PDB file of N, CA and C in Angstrom:
ATOM      1  N   MET A   1       5.700 -16.070 -14.311  1.00  0.00           N
ATOM      2  CA  MET A   1       6.332 -16.013 -13.038  1.00  0.00           C
ATOM      3  C   MET A   1       7.543 -16.937 -13.059  1.00  0.00           C
ATOM      4  N   ILE A   2       8.657 -16.419 -12.612  1.00  0.00           N
ATOM      5  CA  ILE A   2       9.883 -17.205 -12.559  1.00  0.00           C
ATOM      6  C   ILE A   2       9.976 -17.965 -11.242  1.00  0.00           C
ATOM      7  N   SER A   3       9.703 -17.277 -10.132  1.00  0.00           N
ATOM      8  CA  SER A   3       9.766 -17.945  -8.831  1.00  0.00           C
ATOM      9  C   SER A   3       8.935 -17.188  -7.811  1.00  0.00           C
ATOM     10  N   GLY A   4       8.648 -17.864  -6.707  1.00  0.00           N
ATOM     11  CA  GLY A   4       7.922 -17.245  -5.613  1.00  0.00           C
ATOM     12  C   GLY A   4       8.352 -17.867  -4.298  1.00  0.00           C
ATOM     13  N   GLN A   5       8.356 -17.062  -3.237  1.00  0.00           N
ATOM     14  CA  GLN A   5       8.773 -17.554  -1.926  1.00  0.00           C
ATOM     15  C   GLN A   5       7.871 -16.933  -0.865  1.00  0.00           C
ATOM     16  N   VAL A   6       7.337 -17.756   0.023  1.00  0.00           N
ATOM     17  CA  VAL A   6       6.553 -17.274   1.153  1.00  0.00           C
ATOM     18  C   VAL A   6       7.533 -16.852   2.237  1.00  0.00           C
ATOM     19  N   LEU A   7       7.441 -15.600   2.676  1.00  0.00           N
ATOM     20  CA  LEU A   7       8.353 -15.068   3.688  1.00  0.00           C
ATOM     21  C   LEU A   7       7.789 -15.186   5.099  1.00  0.00           C
ATOM     22  N   THR A   8       6.516 -15.522   5.212  1.00  0.00           N
ATOM     23  CA  THR A   8       5.846 -15.632   6.506  1.00  0.00           C
ATOM     24  C   THR A   8       5.345 -17.063   6.669  1.00  0.00           C
ATOM     25  N   PRO A   9       6.055 -17.912   7.408  1.00  0.00           N
ATOM     26  CA  PRO A   9       5.677 -19.329   7.488  1.00  0.00           C
ATOM     27  C   PRO A   9       4.403 -19.608   8.282  1.00  0.00           C
ATOM     28  N   ALA A  10       4.025 -18.733   9.211  1.00  0.00           N
ATOM     29  CA  ALA A  10       2.814 -18.958  10.009  1.00  0.00           C
ATOM     30  C   ALA A  10       2.150 -17.614  10.302  1.00  0.00           C
ATOM     31  N   ILE A  11       0.808 -17.613  10.274  1.00  0.00           N
ATOM     32  CA  ILE A  11       0.042 -16.398  10.544  1.00  0.00           C
ATOM     33  C   ILE A  11      -1.035 -16.745  11.562  1.00  0.00           C
ATOM     34  N   ALA A  12      -1.070 -16.036  12.682  1.00  0.00           N
ATOM     35  CA  ALA A  12      -2.115 -16.210  13.690  1.00  0.00           C
ATOM     36  C   ALA A  12      -3.063 -15.021  13.574  1.00  0.00           C
ATOM     37  N   LEU A  13      -4.271 -15.273  13.111  1.00  0.00           N
ATOM     38  CA  LEU A  13      -5.221 -14.179  12.902  1.00  0.00           C
ATOM     39  C   LEU A  13      -5.769 -13.616  14.211  1.00  0.00           C
ATOM     40  N   SER A  14      -5.574 -14.334  15.318  1.00  0.00           N
ATOM     41  CA  SER A  14      -6.121 -13.886  16.587  1.00  0.00           C
ATOM     42  C   SER A  14      -5.090 -13.203  17.480  1.00  0.00           C
ATOM     43  N   ASP A  15      -3.904 -12.954  16.952  1.00  0.00           N
ATOM     44  CA  ASP A  15      -2.832 -12.393  17.772  1.00  0.00           C
ATOM     45  C   ASP A  15      -2.028 -11.396  16.946  1.00  0.00           C
ATOM     46  N   PHE A  16      -1.170 -10.622  17.623  1.00  0.00           N
ATOM     47  CA  PHE A  16      -0.273  -9.707  16.928  1.00  0.00           C
ATOM     48  C   PHE A  16       0.778 -10.489  16.147  1.00  0.00           C
ATOM     49  N   ALA A  17       1.364  -9.855  15.162  1.00  0.00           N
ATOM     50  CA  ALA A  17       2.479 -10.466  14.440  1.00  0.00           C
ATOM     51  C   ALA A  17       3.633 -10.689  15.423  1.00  0.00           C
ATOM     52  N   ASN A  18       4.382 -11.766  15.254  1.00  0.00           N
ATOM     53  CA  ASN A  18       5.462 -12.115  16.182  1.00  0.00           C
ATOM     54  C   ASN A  18       6.400 -10.945  16.440  1.00  0.00           C
ATOM     55  N   GLY A  19       6.614 -10.644  17.734  1.00  0.00           N
ATOM     56  CA  GLY A  19       7.558  -9.611  18.125  1.00  0.00           C
ATOM     57  C   GLY A  19       7.096  -8.185  17.896  1.00  0.00           C
ATOM     58  N   THR A  20       5.802  -7.982  17.575  1.00  0.00           N
ATOM     59  CA  THR A  20       5.301  -6.631  17.302  1.00  0.00           C
ATOM     60  C   THR A  20       3.972  -6.400  18.014  1.00  0.00           C
ATOM     61  N   THR A  21       3.472  -5.197  17.903  1.00  0.00           N
ATOM     62  CA  THR A  21       2.106  -4.886  18.340  1.00  0.00           C
ATOM     63  C   THR A  21       1.251  -4.548  17.124  1.00  0.00           C
ATOM     64  N   LYS A  22       1.627  -5.103  15.978  1.00  0.00           N
ATOM     65  CA  LYS A  22       0.908  -4.859  14.723  1.00  0.00           C
ATOM     66  C   LYS A  22      -0.001  -6.036  14.387  1.00  0.00           C
ATOM     67  N   ALA A  23      -1.001  -5.753  13.584  1.00  0.00           N
ATOM     68  CA  ALA A  23      -1.907  -6.799  13.119  1.00  0.00           C
ATOM     69  C   ALA A  23      -1.119  -7.847  12.334  1.00  0.00           C
ATOM     70  N   PRO A  24      -1.645  -9.066  12.243  1.00  0.00           N
ATOM     71  CA  PRO A  24      -0.953 -10.110  11.483  1.00  0.00           C
ATOM     72  C   PRO A  24      -0.722  -9.673  10.041  1.00  0.00           C
ATOM     73  N   PHE A  25       0.363 -10.135   9.456  1.00  0.00           N
ATOM     74  CA  PHE A  25       0.644  -9.825   8.066  1.00  0.00           C
ATOM     75  C   PHE A  25       1.321 -11.013   7.408  1.00  0.00           C
ATOM     76  N   ALA A  26       1.286 -11.029   6.098  1.00  0.00           N
ATOM     77  CA  ALA A  26       1.932 -12.082   5.318  1.00  0.00           C
ATOM     78  C   ALA A  26       2.872 -11.422   4.329  1.00  0.00           C
ATOM     79  N   GLY A  27       3.943 -12.109   3.997  1.00  0.00           N
ATOM     80  CA  GLY A  27       4.900 -11.577   3.032  1.00  0.00           C
ATOM     81  C   GLY A  27       5.260 -12.609   1.989  1.00  0.00           C
ATOM     82  N   VAL A  28       5.426 -12.162   0.778  1.00  0.00           N
ATOM     83  CA  VAL A  28       5.879 -13.028  -0.311  1.00  0.00           C
ATOM     84  C   VAL A  28       6.908 -12.279  -1.146  1.00  0.00           C
ATOM     85  N   LYS A  29       7.756 -13.019  -1.806  1.00  0.00           N
ATOM     86  CA  LYS A  29       8.719 -12.453  -2.747  1.00  0.00           C
ATOM     87  C   LYS A  29       8.469 -13.140  -4.084  1.00  0.00           C
ATOM     88  N   LEU A  30       8.150 -12.346  -5.103  1.00  0.00           N
ATOM     89  CA  LEU A  30       7.874 -12.880  -6.438  1.00  0.00           C
ATOM     90  C   LEU A  30       8.902 -12.358  -7.429  1.00  0.00           C
ATOM     91  N   THR A  31       9.313 -13.219  -8.327  1.00  0.00           N
ATOM     92  CA  THR A  31      10.194 -12.826  -9.424  1.00  0.00           C
ATOM     93  C   THR A  31       9.438 -13.065 -10.720  1.00  0.00           C
ATOM     94  N   LEU A  32       9.228 -11.999 -11.476  1.00  0.00           N
ATOM     95  CA  LEU A  32       8.441 -12.064 -12.708  1.00  0.00           C
ATOM     96  C   LEU A  32       9.263 -11.548 -13.873  1.00  0.00           C
ATOM     97  N   THR A  33       8.871 -11.951 -15.079  1.00  0.00           N
ATOM     98  CA  THR A  33       9.528 -11.427 -16.267  1.00  0.00           C
ATOM     99  C   THR A  33       8.478 -11.089 -17.318  1.00  0.00           C
ATOM    100  N   ASP A  34       8.766 -10.105 -18.130  1.00  0.00           N
ATOM    101  CA  ASP A  34       7.881  -9.680 -19.208  1.00  0.00           C
ATOM    102  C   ASP A  34       8.491 -10.151 -20.521  1.00  0.00           C
ATOM    103  N   THR A  35       7.801 -11.078 -21.180  1.00  0.00           N
ATOM    104  CA  THR A  35       8.306 -11.576 -22.460  1.00  0.00           C
ATOM    105  C   THR A  35       7.509 -11.033 -23.639  1.00  0.00           C
ATOM    106  N   GLY A  36       6.625 -10.086 -23.375  1.00  0.00           N
ATOM    107  CA  GLY A  36       5.805  -9.497 -24.438  1.00  0.00           C
ATOM    108  C   GLY A  36       6.617  -8.575 -25.324  1.00  0.00           C
ATOM    109  N   SER A  37       6.114  -8.382 -26.550  1.00  0.00           N
ATOM    110  CA  SER A  37       6.848  -7.537 -27.495  1.00  0.00           C
ATOM    111  C   SER A  37       6.027  -6.356 -28.004  1.00  0.00           C
ATOM    112  N   THR A  38       4.901  -6.091 -27.340  1.00  0.00           N
ATOM    113  CA  THR A  38       4.082  -4.948 -27.766  1.00  0.00           C
ATOM    114  C   THR A  38       3.963  -3.947 -26.625  1.00  0.00           C
ATOM    115  N   ALA A  39       3.454  -2.774 -26.942  1.00  0.00           N
ATOM    116  CA  ALA A  39       3.301  -1.727 -25.927  1.00  0.00           C
ATOM    117  C   ALA A  39       2.298  -2.130 -24.851  1.00  0.00           C
ATOM    118  N   LEU A  40       1.340  -3.002 -25.185  1.00  0.00           N
ATOM    119  CA  LEU A  40       0.322  -3.420 -24.222  1.00  0.00           C
ATOM    120  C   LEU A  40       0.755  -4.626 -23.397  1.00  0.00           C
ATOM    121  N   ALA A  41       1.824  -5.283 -23.775  1.00  0.00           N
ATOM    122  CA  ALA A  41       2.290  -6.446 -23.027  1.00  0.00           C
ATOM    123  C   ALA A  41       2.973  -5.994 -21.752  1.00  0.00           C
ATOM    124  N   GLY A  42       3.008  -6.862 -20.785  1.00  0.00           N
ATOM    125  CA  GLY A  42       3.729  -6.542 -19.559  1.00  0.00           C
ATOM    126  C   GLY A  42       3.020  -7.027 -18.321  1.00  0.00           C
ATOM    127  N   ILE A  43       3.649  -6.835 -17.213  1.00  0.00           N
ATOM    128  CA  ILE A  43       3.118  -7.246 -15.920  1.00  0.00           C
ATOM    129  C   ILE A  43       2.531  -6.020 -15.234  1.00  0.00           C
ATOM    130  N   ALA A  44       1.259  -6.105 -14.885  1.00  0.00           N
ATOM    131  CA  ALA A  44       0.603  -4.981 -14.222  1.00  0.00           C
ATOM    132  C   ALA A  44       0.540  -5.178 -12.724  1.00  0.00           C
ATOM    133  N   GLY A  45       0.614  -6.412 -12.262  1.00  0.00           N
ATOM    134  CA  GLY A  45       0.525  -6.662 -10.837  1.00  0.00           C
ATOM    135  C   GLY A  45       0.494  -8.141 -10.547  1.00  0.00           C
ATOM    136  N   ALA A  46       0.359  -8.490  -9.283  1.00  0.00           N
ATOM    137  CA  ALA A  46       0.299  -9.885  -8.858  1.00  0.00           C
ATOM    138  C   ALA A  46      -0.657  -9.988  -7.682  1.00  0.00           C
ATOM    139  N   GLU A  47      -1.301 -11.137  -7.559  1.00  0.00           N
ATOM    140  CA  GLU A  47      -2.212 -11.378  -6.451  1.00  0.00           C
ATOM    141  C   GLU A  47      -1.857 -12.710  -5.813  1.00  0.00           C
ATOM    142  N   VAL A  48      -1.845 -12.738  -4.486  1.00  0.00           N
ATOM    143  CA  VAL A  48      -1.514 -13.941  -3.732  1.00  0.00           C
ATOM    144  C   VAL A  48      -2.619 -14.158  -2.710  1.00  0.00           C
ATOM    145  N   ALA A  49      -3.042 -15.414  -2.532  1.00  0.00           N
ATOM    146  CA  ALA A  49      -4.059 -15.738  -1.527  1.00  0.00           C
ATOM    147  C   ALA A  49      -3.541 -16.839  -0.615  1.00  0.00           C
ATOM    148  N   PHE A  50      -3.692 -16.631   0.691  1.00  0.00           N
ATOM    149  CA  PHE A  50      -3.373 -17.641   1.696  1.00  0.00           C
ATOM    150  C   PHE A  50      -4.707 -18.169   2.209  1.00  0.00           C
ATOM    151  N   CYS A  51      -4.970 -19.465   2.032  1.00  0.00           N
ATOM    152  CA  CYS A  51      -6.254 -20.039   2.410  1.00  0.00           C
ATOM    153  C   CYS A  51      -6.061 -21.260   3.309  1.00  0.00           C
ATOM    154  N   ILE A  52      -7.005 -21.463   4.207  1.00  0.00           N
ATOM    155  CA  ILE A  52      -7.029 -22.656   5.043  1.00  0.00           C
ATOM    156  C   ILE A  52      -7.948 -23.655   4.359  1.00  0.00           C
ATOM    157  N   ALA A  53      -7.555 -24.923   4.350  1.00  0.00           N
ATOM    158  CA  ALA A  53      -8.366 -25.950   3.704  1.00  0.00           C
ATOM    159  C   ALA A  53      -9.772 -25.961   4.285  1.00  0.00           C
ATOM    160  N   GLY A  54     -10.748 -26.215   3.447  1.00  0.00           N
ATOM    161  CA  GLY A  54     -12.130 -26.234   3.882  1.00  0.00           C
ATOM    162  C   GLY A  54     -12.826 -24.948   3.488  1.00  0.00           C
ATOM    163  N   ASN A  55     -13.945 -24.687   4.103  1.00  0.00           N
ATOM    164  CA  ASN A  55     -14.759 -23.518   3.764  1.00  0.00           C
ATOM    165  C   ASN A  55     -14.402 -22.359   4.690  1.00  0.00           C
ATOM    166  N   ASN A  56     -13.185 -21.853   4.585  1.00  0.00           N
ATOM    167  CA  ASN A  56     -12.697 -20.784   5.449  1.00  0.00           C
ATOM    168  C   ASN A  56     -12.309 -19.570   4.616  1.00  0.00           C
ATOM    169  N   PRO A  57     -12.307 -18.389   5.230  1.00  0.00           N
ATOM    170  CA  PRO A  57     -11.897 -17.189   4.489  1.00  0.00           C
ATOM    171  C   PRO A  57     -10.404 -17.208   4.178  1.00  0.00           C
ATOM    172  N   CYS A  58     -10.022 -16.435   3.192  1.00  0.00           N
ATOM    173  CA  CYS A  58      -8.627 -16.336   2.777  1.00  0.00           C
ATOM    174  C   CYS A  58      -8.099 -14.927   3.057  1.00  0.00           C
ATOM    175  N   ILE A  59      -6.792 -14.832   3.181  1.00  0.00           N
ATOM    176  CA  ILE A  59      -6.123 -13.537   3.225  1.00  0.00           C
ATOM    177  C   ILE A  59      -5.587 -13.309   1.821  1.00  0.00           C
ATOM    178  N   GLU A  60      -5.949 -12.200   1.203  1.00  0.00           N
ATOM    179  CA  GLU A  60      -5.493 -11.923  -0.155  1.00  0.00           C
ATOM    180  C   GLU A  60      -4.646 -10.662  -0.192  1.00  0.00           C
ATOM    181  N   MET A  61      -3.610 -10.686  -1.022  1.00  0.00           N
ATOM    182  CA  MET A  61      -2.746  -9.523  -1.214  1.00  0.00           C
ATOM    183  C   MET A  61      -2.705  -9.204  -2.698  1.00  0.00           C
ATOM    184  N   LEU A  62      -2.779  -7.937  -3.033  1.00  0.00           N
ATOM    185  CA  LEU A  62      -2.691  -7.484  -4.413  1.00  0.00           C
ATOM    186  C   LEU A  62      -1.614  -6.421  -4.497  1.00  0.00           C
ATOM    187  N   ALA A  63      -0.682  -6.604  -5.399  1.00  0.00           N
ATOM    188  CA  ALA A  63       0.374  -5.619  -5.598  1.00  0.00           C
ATOM    189  C   ALA A  63       0.341  -5.142  -7.038  1.00  0.00           C
ATOM    190  N   THR A  64       0.472  -3.854  -7.231  1.00  0.00           N
ATOM    191  CA  THR A  64       0.532  -3.310  -8.581  1.00  0.00           C
ATOM    192  C   THR A  64       1.920  -2.692  -8.791  1.00  0.00           C
ATOM    193  N   ILE A  65       2.269  -2.605 -10.047  1.00  0.00           N
ATOM    194  CA  ILE A  65       3.592  -2.102 -10.411  1.00  0.00           C
ATOM    195  C   ILE A  65       3.437  -0.815 -11.199  1.00  0.00           C
ATOM    196  N   THR A  66       4.167   0.199 -10.812  1.00  0.00           N
ATOM    197  CA  THR A  66       4.201   1.451 -11.559  1.00  0.00           C
ATOM    198  C   THR A  66       5.610   1.630 -12.094  1.00  0.00           C
ATOM    199  N   LEU A  67       5.730   1.672 -13.397  1.00  0.00           N
ATOM    200  CA  LEU A  67       7.044   1.844 -14.025  1.00  0.00           C
ATOM    201  C   LEU A  67       7.219   3.264 -14.512  1.00  0.00           C
ATOM    202  N   THR A  68       8.396   3.775 -14.364  1.00  0.00           N
ATOM    203  CA  THR A  68       8.700   5.097 -14.887  1.00  0.00           C
ATOM    204  C   THR A  68       9.771   4.963 -15.954  1.00  0.00           C
ATOM    205  N   PRO A  69       9.635   5.704 -17.043  1.00  0.00           N
ATOM    206  CA  PRO A  69      10.613   5.573 -18.138  1.00  0.00           C
ATOM    207  C   PRO A  69      11.978   6.110 -17.755  1.00  0.00           C
TER     208      PRO A  69
END
């Protein structure tokens, strides 16, 4: 991973997302690079978890990448 940025500074699980009538959501921007040299090397996806300190549940996001030749 080269860099990562959280695009959503605050998430209220008990309310709509700011300015919308949609469920809360989180956003991240990731920059990745593939330095592998074989056909099996590469980036298949990324996972991000937002957790509150203590014994609390987390919000997890999983993104997969589909490449076309």
